[in-house]
Each structure stands twice: as structure tokens, then as C-alpha cells.
Amino acid sequence: MPPHSPYAEPVAQAFDVTRRYVRVRERRDDGFVEFDFSIGDPGLSVELVMSTRDYESFCATHHVCQLSDDEAHALDLEQLKWRYGQPGVTE
């Protein structure tokens, strides 16, 4: 994973409000992008929907870090651990 990744090191990192993260959920056929946006911690995000043009402008304005598939998967596993007590458990 890239060195700026929140999952690059197992050591807890300080919350950094200058880091902005985007995780694309879906690029829709109607020209909109569904994505998660977070500041400082990719585990705490808001869901947003914007036109492709507005999304690209938003990302440039906020200097976002795009989460890779591996980072998104690691984030999902971490959230499962908190939700169900252990990674990978869904019920």
C-alpha cells in the first residue's frame, strides 16, 4: 500500500484533518458518482452523490486520496470487526 495509506502501518496514527479520503462506491450510468468522503479517518465518512464533473472538481478542491481496492477491503474488515466482534463475521 502507498505510504500515505491509513493502513500502511499497524501503529495507530494521529487524526489529521488535512487528509481527505474518497472511496468510490459506484459510477452510475446516468452520469453520477456515489462515493464516501472522509476527513482524517476513512472509517468515518459521509455518503455523497455528485455528477461526474462536480465529483472531479470536488476531489481536486479537497486534494483527496483515493482509497485503493485493498484499502477499501481492509476498511470493510475493520468495520465488520467492530460490528460483529471479529473480522469476516456477517451475522
N, C-alpha and C. Protein backbone atom coordinates (compact mmCIF):
# COMPACT_ATOMS: atom_id res chain seq x y z
N MET A 1 0.83 -1.19 0.00
CA MET A 1 0.00 0.00 0.00
C MET A 1 0.87 1.24 0.00
N PRO A 2 0.34 2.33 -0.53
CA PRO A 2 1.13 3.55 -0.58
C PRO A 2 1.47 4.04 0.83
N PRO A 3 2.57 4.80 0.98
CA PRO A 3 2.99 5.25 2.31
C PRO A 3 1.98 6.17 2.98
N HIS A 4 1.10 6.86 2.22
CA HIS A 4 0.11 7.74 2.81
C HIS A 4 -1.14 6.99 3.26
N SER A 5 -1.17 5.68 3.02
CA SER A 5 -2.34 4.88 3.36
C SER A 5 -2.57 4.85 4.86
N PRO A 6 -3.82 4.95 5.31
CA PRO A 6 -4.10 4.85 6.74
C PRO A 6 -3.87 3.43 7.25
N TYR A 7 -3.69 2.46 6.34
CA TYR A 7 -3.48 1.08 6.74
C TYR A 7 -2.07 0.60 6.44
N ALA A 8 -1.15 1.51 6.13
CA ALA A 8 0.21 1.14 5.78
C ALA A 8 0.97 0.58 6.97
N GLU A 9 0.68 1.07 8.17
CA GLU A 9 1.39 0.63 9.36
C GLU A 9 0.38 0.22 10.42
N PRO A 10 0.67 -0.83 11.20
CA PRO A 10 -0.26 -1.27 12.22
C PRO A 10 -0.35 -0.31 13.41
N VAL A 11 0.56 0.63 13.51
CA VAL A 11 0.57 1.58 14.62
C VAL A 11 -0.52 2.62 14.40
N ALA A 12 -1.25 2.94 15.47
CA ALA A 12 -2.31 3.95 15.36
C ALA A 12 -1.72 5.29 14.95
N GLN A 13 -2.39 5.95 14.03
CA GLN A 13 -1.92 7.24 13.56
C GLN A 13 -2.76 8.35 14.17
N ALA A 14 -2.16 9.50 14.30
CA ALA A 14 -2.89 10.66 14.83
C ALA A 14 -3.92 11.12 13.81
N PHE A 15 -5.03 11.63 14.32
CA PHE A 15 -6.08 12.17 13.45
C PHE A 15 -5.55 13.42 12.78
N ASP A 16 -5.59 13.45 11.46
CA ASP A 16 -5.02 14.55 10.67
C ASP A 16 -6.12 15.16 9.81
N VAL A 17 -6.59 16.34 10.18
CA VAL A 17 -7.69 16.98 9.45
C VAL A 17 -7.28 17.45 8.05
N THR A 18 -6.01 17.42 7.74
CA THR A 18 -5.58 17.83 6.40
C THR A 18 -5.69 16.68 5.40
N ARG A 19 -5.91 15.46 5.86
CA ARG A 19 -6.04 14.32 4.96
C ARG A 19 -7.51 14.10 4.63
N ARG A 20 -7.78 13.99 3.33
CA ARG A 20 -9.15 13.80 2.85
C ARG A 20 -9.16 12.52 2.02
N TYR A 21 -10.16 11.69 2.23
CA TYR A 21 -10.24 10.41 1.55
C TYR A 21 -11.55 10.28 0.77
N VAL A 22 -11.47 9.58 -0.36
CA VAL A 22 -12.64 9.27 -1.17
C VAL A 22 -12.62 7.79 -1.49
N ARG A 23 -13.79 7.18 -1.36
CA ARG A 23 -13.98 5.80 -1.77
C ARG A 23 -15.18 5.76 -2.71
N VAL A 24 -14.91 5.47 -3.97
CA VAL A 24 -15.99 5.41 -4.96
C VAL A 24 -16.78 4.13 -4.73
N ARG A 25 -18.08 4.29 -4.60
CA ARG A 25 -18.99 3.14 -4.44
C ARG A 25 -19.55 2.71 -5.79
N GLU A 26 -19.91 3.71 -6.61
CA GLU A 26 -20.48 3.37 -7.92
C GLU A 26 -20.40 4.57 -8.86
N ARG A 27 -20.07 4.27 -10.09
CA ARG A 27 -20.17 5.27 -11.18
C ARG A 27 -21.40 4.87 -11.98
N ARG A 28 -22.45 5.64 -11.82
CA ARG A 28 -23.74 5.29 -12.38
C ARG A 28 -23.85 5.62 -13.87
N ASP A 29 -24.72 4.92 -14.54
CA ASP A 29 -24.95 5.13 -15.97
C ASP A 29 -25.55 6.50 -16.27
N ASP A 30 -26.19 7.12 -15.28
CA ASP A 30 -26.81 8.43 -15.50
C ASP A 30 -25.83 9.59 -15.31
N GLY A 31 -24.54 9.27 -15.15
CA GLY A 31 -23.53 10.31 -15.07
C GLY A 31 -23.22 10.79 -13.66
N PHE A 32 -23.71 10.08 -12.66
CA PHE A 32 -23.44 10.44 -11.27
C PHE A 32 -22.47 9.46 -10.63
N VAL A 33 -21.76 9.95 -9.61
CA VAL A 33 -20.81 9.13 -8.86
C VAL A 33 -21.29 9.07 -7.42
N GLU A 34 -21.42 7.86 -6.89
CA GLU A 34 -21.74 7.65 -5.48
C GLU A 34 -20.42 7.35 -4.78
N PHE A 35 -20.14 8.08 -3.70
CA PHE A 35 -18.86 7.90 -3.03
C PHE A 35 -18.95 8.26 -1.55
N ASP A 36 -17.97 7.78 -0.81
CA ASP A 36 -17.81 8.13 0.60
C ASP A 36 -16.69 9.16 0.69
N PHE A 37 -16.90 10.17 1.51
CA PHE A 37 -15.89 11.21 1.73
C PHE A 37 -15.60 11.28 3.21
N SER A 38 -14.33 11.33 3.55
CA SER A 38 -13.95 11.42 4.96
C SER A 38 -12.77 12.37 5.14
N ILE A 39 -12.70 12.90 6.33
CA ILE A 39 -11.61 13.80 6.72
C ILE A 39 -10.89 13.18 7.90
N GLY A 40 -9.60 12.93 7.74
CA GLY A 40 -8.78 12.45 8.84
C GLY A 40 -8.82 10.97 9.09
N ASP A 41 -9.96 10.32 8.90
CA ASP A 41 -10.12 8.89 9.18
C ASP A 41 -11.10 8.31 8.18
N PRO A 42 -10.65 7.43 7.28
CA PRO A 42 -11.55 6.89 6.27
C PRO A 42 -12.66 6.01 6.85
N GLY A 43 -12.53 5.65 8.12
CA GLY A 43 -13.58 4.87 8.77
C GLY A 43 -14.79 5.69 9.17
N LEU A 44 -14.66 7.00 9.16
CA LEU A 44 -15.76 7.92 9.49
C LEU A 44 -16.05 8.74 8.25
N SER A 45 -17.14 8.43 7.57
CA SER A 45 -17.38 9.08 6.28
C SER A 45 -18.85 9.46 6.11
N VAL A 46 -19.08 10.29 5.12
CA VAL A 46 -20.42 10.62 4.68
C VAL A 46 -20.58 10.12 3.26
N GLU A 47 -21.79 9.72 2.92
CA GLU A 47 -22.08 9.26 1.58
C GLU A 47 -22.56 10.45 0.75
N LEU A 48 -21.98 10.61 -0.43
CA LEU A 48 -22.33 11.72 -1.31
C LEU A 48 -22.61 11.20 -2.72
N VAL A 49 -23.40 11.97 -3.46
CA VAL A 49 -23.66 11.68 -4.87
C VAL A 49 -23.51 13.00 -5.62
N MET A 50 -22.69 12.97 -6.67
CA MET A 50 -22.46 14.17 -7.49
C MET A 50 -22.34 13.76 -8.95
N SER A 51 -22.57 14.73 -9.83
CA SER A 51 -22.30 14.47 -11.24
C SER A 51 -20.80 14.21 -11.38
N THR A 52 -20.42 13.53 -12.44
CA THR A 52 -19.01 13.22 -12.65
C THR A 52 -18.16 14.48 -12.65
N ARG A 53 -18.61 15.51 -13.34
CA ARG A 53 -17.85 16.76 -13.41
C ARG A 53 -17.71 17.40 -12.03
N ASP A 54 -18.81 17.45 -11.25
CA ASP A 54 -18.74 18.01 -9.91
C ASP A 54 -17.87 17.16 -8.98
N TYR A 55 -17.94 15.85 -9.14
CA TYR A 55 -17.11 14.95 -8.34
C TYR A 55 -15.63 15.21 -8.59
N GLU A 56 -15.24 15.33 -9.85
CA GLU A 56 -13.83 15.59 -10.19
C GLU A 56 -13.37 16.93 -9.63
N SER A 57 -14.22 17.93 -9.70
CA SER A 57 -13.90 19.24 -9.14
C SER A 57 -13.78 19.17 -7.62
N PHE A 58 -14.70 18.45 -6.99
CA PHE A 58 -14.69 18.26 -5.54
C PHE A 58 -13.38 17.62 -5.10
N CYS A 59 -12.98 16.56 -5.80
CA CYS A 59 -11.74 15.85 -5.45
C CYS A 59 -10.52 16.75 -5.61
N ALA A 60 -10.48 17.54 -6.68
CA ALA A 60 -9.36 18.44 -6.90
C ALA A 60 -9.32 19.53 -5.83
N THR A 61 -10.46 20.08 -5.49
CA THR A 61 -10.54 21.14 -4.48
C THR A 61 -10.05 20.66 -3.12
N HIS A 62 -10.42 19.44 -2.76
CA HIS A 62 -10.10 18.91 -1.43
C HIS A 62 -8.81 18.09 -1.40
N HIS A 63 -8.14 17.96 -2.55
CA HIS A 63 -6.88 17.20 -2.63
C HIS A 63 -7.03 15.83 -1.97
N VAL A 64 -8.00 15.07 -2.45
CA VAL A 64 -8.33 13.79 -1.82
C VAL A 64 -7.34 12.69 -2.17
N CYS A 65 -7.30 11.72 -1.32
CA CYS A 65 -6.58 10.46 -1.54
C CYS A 65 -7.65 9.42 -1.87
N GLN A 66 -7.55 8.82 -3.05
CA GLN A 66 -8.49 7.78 -3.45
C GLN A 66 -8.10 6.48 -2.76
N LEU A 67 -9.02 5.86 -2.04
CA LEU A 67 -8.73 4.58 -1.41
C LEU A 67 -8.66 3.49 -2.49
N SER A 68 -7.64 2.67 -2.41
CA SER A 68 -7.49 1.56 -3.35
C SER A 68 -8.48 0.45 -2.96
N ASP A 69 -8.62 -0.54 -3.83
CA ASP A 69 -9.49 -1.68 -3.51
C ASP A 69 -9.00 -2.40 -2.26
N ASP A 70 -7.68 -2.54 -2.12
CA ASP A 70 -7.12 -3.20 -0.93
C ASP A 70 -7.42 -2.40 0.34
N GLU A 71 -7.27 -1.10 0.26
CA GLU A 71 -7.56 -0.24 1.42
C GLU A 71 -9.05 -0.29 1.77
N ALA A 72 -9.90 -0.29 0.76
CA ALA A 72 -11.35 -0.37 0.99
C ALA A 72 -11.71 -1.70 1.63
N HIS A 73 -11.08 -2.77 1.16
CA HIS A 73 -11.33 -4.10 1.73
C HIS A 73 -10.88 -4.15 3.19
N ALA A 74 -9.72 -3.60 3.48
CA ALA A 74 -9.22 -3.56 4.87
C ALA A 74 -10.17 -2.75 5.74
N LEU A 75 -10.68 -1.67 5.23
CA LEU A 75 -11.64 -0.85 5.97
C LEU A 75 -12.92 -1.63 6.24
N ASP A 76 -13.42 -2.37 5.24
CA ASP A 76 -14.62 -3.20 5.43
C ASP A 76 -14.40 -4.25 6.51
N LEU A 77 -13.24 -4.89 6.50
CA LEU A 77 -12.95 -5.90 7.52
C LEU A 77 -12.88 -5.29 8.91
N GLU A 78 -12.29 -4.11 9.01
CA GLU A 78 -12.20 -3.42 10.30
C GLU A 78 -13.60 -3.07 10.82
N GLN A 79 -14.47 -2.63 9.93
CA GLN A 79 -15.83 -2.29 10.33
C GLN A 79 -16.62 -3.53 10.74
N LEU A 80 -16.39 -4.65 10.05
CA LEU A 80 -17.03 -5.90 10.45
C LEU A 80 -16.59 -6.31 11.84
N LYS A 81 -15.31 -6.12 12.13
CA LYS A 81 -14.79 -6.47 13.46
C LYS A 81 -15.53 -5.70 14.54
N TRP A 82 -15.74 -4.41 14.31
CA TRP A 82 -16.44 -3.60 15.31
C TRP A 82 -17.93 -3.94 15.36
N ARG A 83 -18.50 -4.25 14.22
CA ARG A 83 -19.94 -4.53 14.18
C ARG A 83 -20.28 -5.89 14.76
N TYR A 84 -19.45 -6.92 14.46
CA TYR A 84 -19.79 -8.28 14.85
C TYR A 84 -18.80 -8.94 15.81
N GLY A 85 -17.76 -8.24 16.20
CA GLY A 85 -16.82 -8.78 17.17
C GLY A 85 -15.61 -9.48 16.58
N GLN A 86 -15.65 -9.79 15.29
CA GLN A 86 -14.49 -10.39 14.64
C GLN A 86 -14.58 -10.18 13.14
N PRO A 87 -13.43 -10.09 12.48
CA PRO A 87 -13.43 -9.82 11.04
C PRO A 87 -14.11 -10.94 10.27
N GLY A 88 -14.87 -10.58 9.26
CA GLY A 88 -15.47 -11.55 8.36
C GLY A 88 -16.81 -12.10 8.81
N VAL A 89 -17.21 -11.85 10.03
CA VAL A 89 -18.49 -12.36 10.52
C VAL A 89 -19.59 -11.39 10.10
N THR A 90 -20.60 -11.90 9.41
CA THR A 90 -21.64 -11.02 8.89
C THR A 90 -23.00 -11.22 9.55
N GLU A 91 -23.15 -12.19 10.40
CA GLU A 91 -24.44 -12.39 11.08
C GLU A 91 -24.25 -12.60 12.56
